[in-house]
Amino acid sequence: MKNKKSSISSIIKFEELSWKKIEDLDKKKTIVFLPISPMEEHGPHLPVGTDYLISYQAASDAIRILNKERSGLKYILFPAIPLGFCGFNTDFPGSISSSGNTIKNIIIDIGSNLAKHGFKYLIICTYHMSLPHLRAIYSAMKKLERKYDIKCYEPWSPYFYGGMIEKNEPELGFDTTKEVHAGFRETSLIKYQYPYLLDKSYKTLQSIYRDLNSPKVIYKKFKDLGLKDGYVGSPARADADYGRWFYGETVNTYIKAAKDLFDGKKLLDLPKKIKAEMKILFFK
């Protein structure tokens, strides 16, 4: 328990700093982590804060490791923002969807103020891979970098959509790309990271698959597609060992992003196809 408290205290939380301590930071050697993901239904078995919890915890653990591996830099954890676009499942209680413009403006407001106070690096941590949500984030980052002296990066979506999961994951014997929402991957994550939040009903849930990238389903809600329980995939297959691996990939992605952003190295980018789809699916 003593080590755990020591580990937690090593994280510098923005909300716990005085303005004087913030002023005294060497902003050229400080990286701010901003977690942002919505409250959103994740089937009958996972908490609505699944994406929110994972993005915040992964950012925290990435900072703990960076404190050891790159101790010459400072890492600030900004309070997590519980917002995002999830309009496709707002027919379920617990899904709180914000417009793309709202998400964009919030990130611009936070980033521009940080930049005015001298901060140079901002890592945006989101586990919510909705394209309208990502479009808002990327639009905000583009404006921040164009108008202010700050470098921004969102690392998980390039990893997620760039096929890196399938390339690196353990051999499982089934297609994990079909595990779209609250399926095997996310249920495994919660089973590993927050087992006390996983409802036992996951064990009896049938495998349900839908192609949510099909033009036929654009603008339709989950219940319109027959997804009455709000999940796509096979949650009953959930495995804590896979969850440990998947969570580790997230943390390592954040760590590498922080190092590469500061070092000025080339950053992993979204596939061109995903960028094109984001523009089409941007919701105001």
Protein backbone atom coordinates (compact mmCIF):
# COMPACT_ATOMS: atom_id res chain seq x y z
CA MET A 1 0.00 0.00 0.00
CA LYS A 2 2.88 2.34 0.76
CA ASN A 3 4.31 1.92 -2.73
CA LYS A 4 0.90 2.54 -4.29
CA LYS A 5 0.50 5.85 -2.45
CA SER A 6 4.02 6.86 -3.45
CA SER A 7 3.24 6.03 -7.08
CA ILE A 8 0.03 8.05 -7.03
CA SER A 9 1.74 11.05 -5.45
CA SER A 10 4.31 11.12 -8.26
CA ILE A 11 1.63 12.32 -10.67
CA ILE A 12 1.35 16.09 -10.93
CA LYS A 13 -2.34 16.95 -11.22
CA PHE A 14 -3.19 20.30 -12.77
CA GLU A 15 -6.05 20.98 -10.37
CA GLU A 16 -3.79 20.54 -7.34
CA LEU A 17 -1.26 23.18 -8.40
CA SER A 18 -1.28 26.82 -7.36
CA TRP A 19 -0.89 29.46 -10.07
CA LYS A 20 2.58 30.15 -8.70
CA LYS A 21 3.68 26.53 -9.11
CA ILE A 22 2.29 26.54 -12.64
CA GLU A 23 4.15 29.76 -13.39
CA ASP A 24 7.41 28.24 -12.13
CA LEU A 25 7.21 25.19 -14.39
CA ASP A 26 9.70 25.00 -17.25
CA LYS A 27 7.03 24.92 -19.95
CA LYS A 28 9.52 23.92 -22.64
CA LYS A 29 10.08 20.68 -20.75
CA THR A 30 6.50 20.00 -19.66
CA ILE A 31 3.91 17.80 -21.37
CA VAL A 32 0.21 18.07 -20.50
CA PHE A 33 -2.04 15.00 -20.80
CA LEU A 34 -5.71 15.76 -21.44
CA PRO A 35 -8.09 12.74 -21.15
CA ILE A 36 -11.46 13.19 -22.88
CA SER A 37 -14.17 10.58 -23.53
CA PRO A 38 -17.97 10.59 -23.14
CA MET A 39 -20.34 8.87 -20.78
CA GLU A 40 -21.81 6.27 -23.11
CA GLU A 41 -23.69 2.99 -22.80
CA HIS A 42 -21.48 -0.06 -23.19
CA GLY A 43 -24.00 -2.87 -23.20
CA PRO A 44 -25.77 -4.22 -20.11
CA HIS A 45 -22.48 -5.39 -18.61
CA LEU A 46 -20.01 -2.47 -18.74
CA PRO A 47 -20.08 0.98 -17.07
CA VAL A 48 -21.05 4.05 -19.10
CA GLY A 49 -17.66 5.50 -18.17
CA THR A 50 -15.67 2.70 -19.86
CA ASP A 51 -13.82 4.93 -22.36
CA TYR A 52 -13.47 7.72 -19.79
CA LEU A 53 -12.02 5.46 -17.11
CA ILE A 54 -9.54 3.72 -19.41
CA SER A 55 -8.25 6.92 -21.04
CA TYR A 56 -7.72 8.60 -17.66
CA GLN A 57 -6.07 5.59 -16.03
CA ALA A 58 -3.85 4.91 -19.05
CA ALA A 59 -2.69 8.54 -19.05
CA SER A 60 -1.93 8.25 -15.32
CA ASP A 61 0.08 5.06 -15.75
CA ALA A 62 1.92 6.48 -18.76
CA ILE A 63 2.98 9.45 -16.63
CA ARG A 64 4.21 7.16 -13.84
CA ILE A 65 6.46 5.32 -16.30
CA LEU A 66 7.63 8.51 -18.02
CA ASN A 67 8.63 9.92 -14.64
CA LYS A 68 11.14 7.08 -14.44
CA GLU A 69 12.21 6.85 -18.08
CA ARG A 70 12.35 10.59 -18.85
CA SER A 71 12.82 12.18 -15.44
CA GLY A 72 14.21 15.36 -16.98
CA LEU A 73 10.71 16.32 -18.16
CA LYS A 74 7.56 17.24 -16.26
CA TYR A 75 4.20 15.60 -16.98
CA ILE A 76 0.92 17.23 -15.96
CA LEU A 77 -2.36 15.29 -15.78
CA PHE A 78 -5.27 17.59 -16.65
CA PRO A 79 -8.73 16.79 -15.18
CA ALA A 80 -10.54 14.32 -17.45
CA ILE A 81 -13.34 15.77 -19.59
CA PRO A 82 -16.45 13.50 -19.59
CA LEU A 83 -17.65 14.58 -23.03
CA GLY A 84 -17.74 13.28 -26.59
CA PHE A 85 -19.97 12.63 -29.58
CA CYS A 86 -21.97 9.38 -29.30
CA GLY A 87 -25.19 10.25 -31.11
CA PHE A 88 -25.61 6.72 -32.47
CA ASN A 89 -26.57 5.27 -29.07
CA THR A 90 -28.33 8.10 -27.26
CA ASP A 91 -31.47 5.95 -27.32
CA PHE A 92 -29.94 4.22 -24.28
CA PRO A 93 -29.95 5.80 -20.80
CA GLY A 94 -26.48 6.93 -19.81
CA SER A 95 -25.26 8.03 -23.23
CA ILE A 96 -24.50 11.75 -23.07
CA SER A 97 -23.60 13.05 -26.51
CA SER A 98 -22.07 16.46 -27.19
CA SER A 99 -21.87 18.10 -30.59
CA GLY A 100 -18.66 18.11 -32.59
CA ASN A 101 -18.46 21.87 -32.25
CA THR A 102 -18.74 21.61 -28.46
CA ILE A 103 -15.85 19.13 -28.28
CA LYS A 104 -13.79 21.19 -30.68
CA ASN A 105 -14.35 24.43 -28.78
CA ILE A 106 -13.59 22.90 -25.38
CA ILE A 107 -10.25 21.56 -26.58
CA ILE A 108 -9.42 24.87 -28.26
CA ASP A 109 -10.33 26.76 -25.07
CA ILE A 110 -8.14 24.52 -22.91
CA GLY A 111 -5.27 24.35 -25.38
CA SER A 112 -5.21 28.05 -26.17
CA ASN A 113 -5.13 29.01 -22.49
CA LEU A 114 -2.33 26.52 -21.84
CA ALA A 115 -0.43 27.97 -24.79
CA LYS A 116 -0.92 31.54 -23.53
CA HIS A 117 0.58 30.45 -20.23
CA GLY A 118 3.61 29.07 -22.01
CA PHE A 119 2.89 25.34 -22.35
CA LYS A 120 4.34 23.79 -25.51
CA TYR A 121 3.09 20.18 -25.59
CA LEU A 122 -0.39 18.66 -25.32
CA ILE A 123 -1.27 14.94 -25.55
CA ILE A 124 -5.01 14.30 -25.97
CA CYS A 125 -6.03 10.92 -24.57
CA THR A 126 -9.32 9.49 -25.82
CA TYR A 127 -10.57 5.92 -25.99
CA HIS A 128 -13.71 6.85 -27.88
CA MET A 129 -13.14 6.08 -31.56
CA SER A 130 -16.31 7.61 -33.02
CA LEU A 131 -15.26 9.43 -36.18
CA PRO A 132 -17.31 12.60 -35.51
CA HIS A 133 -15.69 12.73 -32.06
CA LEU A 134 -12.23 12.35 -33.59
CA ARG A 135 -12.99 14.91 -36.28
CA ALA A 136 -13.71 17.45 -33.56
CA ILE A 137 -10.44 16.64 -31.77
CA TYR A 138 -8.35 16.82 -34.93
CA SER A 139 -9.99 20.07 -36.02
CA ALA A 140 -9.17 21.56 -32.63
CA MET A 141 -5.56 20.38 -32.73
CA LYS A 142 -5.10 21.80 -36.21
CA LYS A 143 -6.37 25.22 -35.13
CA LEU A 144 -4.26 25.21 -31.96
CA GLU A 145 -1.06 24.44 -33.83
CA ARG A 146 -1.86 26.98 -36.53
CA LYS A 147 -2.73 29.83 -34.18
CA TYR A 148 -0.64 29.12 -31.07
CA ASP A 149 2.85 27.98 -30.23
CA ILE A 150 1.84 24.54 -28.99
CA LYS A 151 2.28 21.02 -30.39
CA CYS A 152 -0.70 18.67 -30.06
CA TYR A 153 -1.17 14.96 -30.68
CA GLU A 154 -3.87 12.33 -30.18
CA PRO A 155 -2.07 8.95 -30.35
CA TRP A 156 -4.61 6.17 -29.90
CA SER A 157 -6.78 6.56 -33.02
CA PRO A 158 -3.79 6.22 -35.44
CA TYR A 159 -2.82 3.05 -33.58
CA PHE A 160 -6.42 1.79 -33.50
CA TYR A 161 -7.33 2.53 -37.12
CA GLY A 162 -3.85 1.84 -38.49
CA GLY A 163 -4.14 -1.91 -37.95
CA MET A 164 -1.56 -1.94 -35.17
CA ILE A 165 -3.78 -3.91 -32.79
CA GLU A 166 -4.26 -6.75 -35.25
CA LYS A 167 -0.57 -6.70 -36.11
CA ASN A 168 0.62 -6.97 -32.50
CA GLU A 169 -2.10 -8.83 -30.61
CA PRO A 170 -1.79 -12.44 -29.43
CA GLU A 171 -3.20 -15.21 -31.63
CA LEU A 172 -6.83 -15.66 -30.63
CA GLY A 173 -8.46 -17.75 -33.33
CA PHE A 174 -11.18 -15.25 -34.17
CA ASP A 175 -11.52 -11.86 -35.86
CA THR A 176 -11.23 -9.12 -33.23
CA THR A 177 -11.96 -6.38 -35.80
CA LYS A 178 -15.63 -7.32 -35.44
CA GLU A 179 -15.52 -6.45 -31.73
CA VAL A 180 -16.80 -2.96 -32.37
CA HIS A 181 -18.46 -1.81 -29.16
CA ALA A 182 -18.53 -3.35 -25.66
CA GLY A 183 -17.45 -6.65 -27.18
CA PHE A 184 -14.45 -8.87 -26.50
CA ARG A 185 -11.83 -6.12 -26.41
CA GLU A 186 -13.53 -3.63 -24.10
CA THR A 187 -15.02 -6.30 -21.87
CA SER A 188 -11.54 -7.80 -21.50
CA LEU A 189 -10.19 -4.37 -20.59
CA ILE A 190 -12.72 -3.88 -17.81
CA LYS A 191 -12.31 -7.48 -16.64
CA TYR A 192 -8.61 -6.76 -16.16
CA GLN A 193 -8.60 -3.14 -15.02
CA TYR A 194 -11.95 -2.78 -13.19
CA PRO A 195 -13.29 -6.31 -12.55
CA TYR A 196 -15.63 -5.01 -9.82
CA LEU A 197 -17.44 -2.93 -12.46
CA LEU A 198 -18.06 -5.87 -14.79
CA ASP A 199 -21.57 -7.29 -14.52
CA LYS A 200 -21.64 -11.08 -14.51
CA SER A 201 -24.27 -11.04 -17.24
CA TYR A 202 -21.42 -10.71 -19.79
CA LYS A 203 -20.91 -14.48 -19.53
CA THR A 204 -24.32 -15.22 -21.08
CA LEU A 205 -24.42 -12.51 -23.78
CA GLN A 206 -24.66 -13.85 -27.31
CA SER A 207 -22.24 -12.75 -30.02
CA ILE A 208 -23.80 -10.01 -32.14
CA TYR A 209 -22.11 -8.45 -35.17
CA ARG A 210 -22.93 -5.47 -37.38
CA ASP A 211 -20.90 -3.61 -40.00
CA LEU A 212 -21.14 -0.12 -38.57
CA ASN A 213 -18.98 1.26 -41.38
CA SER A 214 -21.53 0.36 -44.03
CA PRO A 215 -23.19 3.34 -45.81
CA LYS A 216 -26.53 1.66 -45.02
CA VAL A 217 -26.18 2.35 -41.30
CA ILE A 218 -25.05 5.98 -41.43
CA TYR A 219 -27.17 8.20 -39.15
CA LYS A 220 -28.99 5.19 -37.69
CA LYS A 221 -29.07 4.52 -33.98
CA PHE A 222 -28.17 1.20 -32.38
CA LYS A 223 -31.76 0.22 -31.68
CA ASP A 224 -32.66 0.93 -35.31
CA LEU A 225 -30.11 -1.74 -36.19
CA GLY A 226 -31.59 -4.28 -33.81
CA LEU A 227 -28.87 -3.75 -31.19
CA LYS A 228 -31.34 -3.74 -28.30
CA ASP A 229 -28.64 -4.43 -25.69
CA GLY A 230 -26.18 -1.84 -26.98
CA TYR A 231 -23.14 -3.93 -27.86
CA VAL A 232 -21.46 -5.29 -30.99
CA GLY A 233 -19.15 -8.27 -30.58
CA SER A 234 -18.65 -11.22 -28.27
CA PRO A 235 -18.33 -10.06 -24.65
CA ALA A 236 -18.68 -13.62 -23.32
CA ARG A 237 -15.21 -14.35 -24.69
CA ALA A 238 -13.64 -11.69 -22.46
CA ASP A 239 -10.22 -12.60 -21.12
CA ALA A 240 -8.33 -10.70 -18.41
CA ASP A 241 -4.95 -11.63 -19.90
CA TYR A 242 -5.95 -10.06 -23.20
CA GLY A 243 -7.25 -7.05 -21.27
CA ARG A 244 -3.84 -6.71 -19.60
CA TRP A 245 -2.12 -6.82 -23.00
CA PHE A 246 -4.58 -4.37 -24.57
CA TYR A 247 -4.31 -1.92 -21.70
CA GLY A 248 -0.52 -2.15 -21.86
CA GLU A 249 -0.64 -1.28 -25.54
CA THR A 250 -2.61 1.86 -24.71
CA VAL A 251 -0.19 2.95 -22.01
CA ASN A 252 2.83 2.27 -24.24
CA THR A 253 1.22 4.21 -27.08
CA TYR A 254 0.82 7.25 -24.81
CA ILE A 255 4.41 6.91 -23.60
CA LYS A 256 5.84 6.70 -27.11
CA ALA A 257 3.67 9.62 -28.24
CA ALA A 258 4.96 11.87 -25.46
CA LYS A 259 8.59 11.01 -26.21
CA ASP A 260 8.23 11.40 -29.97
CA LEU A 261 6.27 14.65 -29.69
CA PHE A 262 8.93 16.19 -27.47
CA ASP A 263 11.80 14.82 -29.59
CA GLY A 264 10.24 16.13 -32.79
CA LYS A 265 10.05 12.66 -34.36
CA LYS A 266 7.56 11.62 -37.00
CA LEU A 267 4.24 10.70 -35.41
CA LEU A 268 1.92 7.90 -36.46
CA ASP A 269 -0.93 9.39 -38.50
CA LEU A 270 -4.47 8.33 -39.30
CA PRO A 271 -4.97 6.39 -42.56
CA LYS A 272 -6.13 8.58 -45.44
CA LYS A 273 -9.36 6.57 -45.70
CA ILE A 274 -10.28 7.36 -42.10
CA LYS A 275 -9.51 11.05 -42.59
CA ALA A 276 -11.83 11.12 -45.60
CA GLU A 277 -14.60 9.37 -43.67
CA MET A 278 -14.23 11.78 -40.75
CA LYS A 279 -14.97 14.74 -42.98
CA ILE A 280 -18.14 13.13 -44.32
CA LEU A 281 -19.39 12.07 -40.89
CA PHE A 282 -18.74 15.32 -39.00
CA PHE A 283 -21.81 16.30 -37.01
CA LYS A 284 -22.36 19.89 -35.89
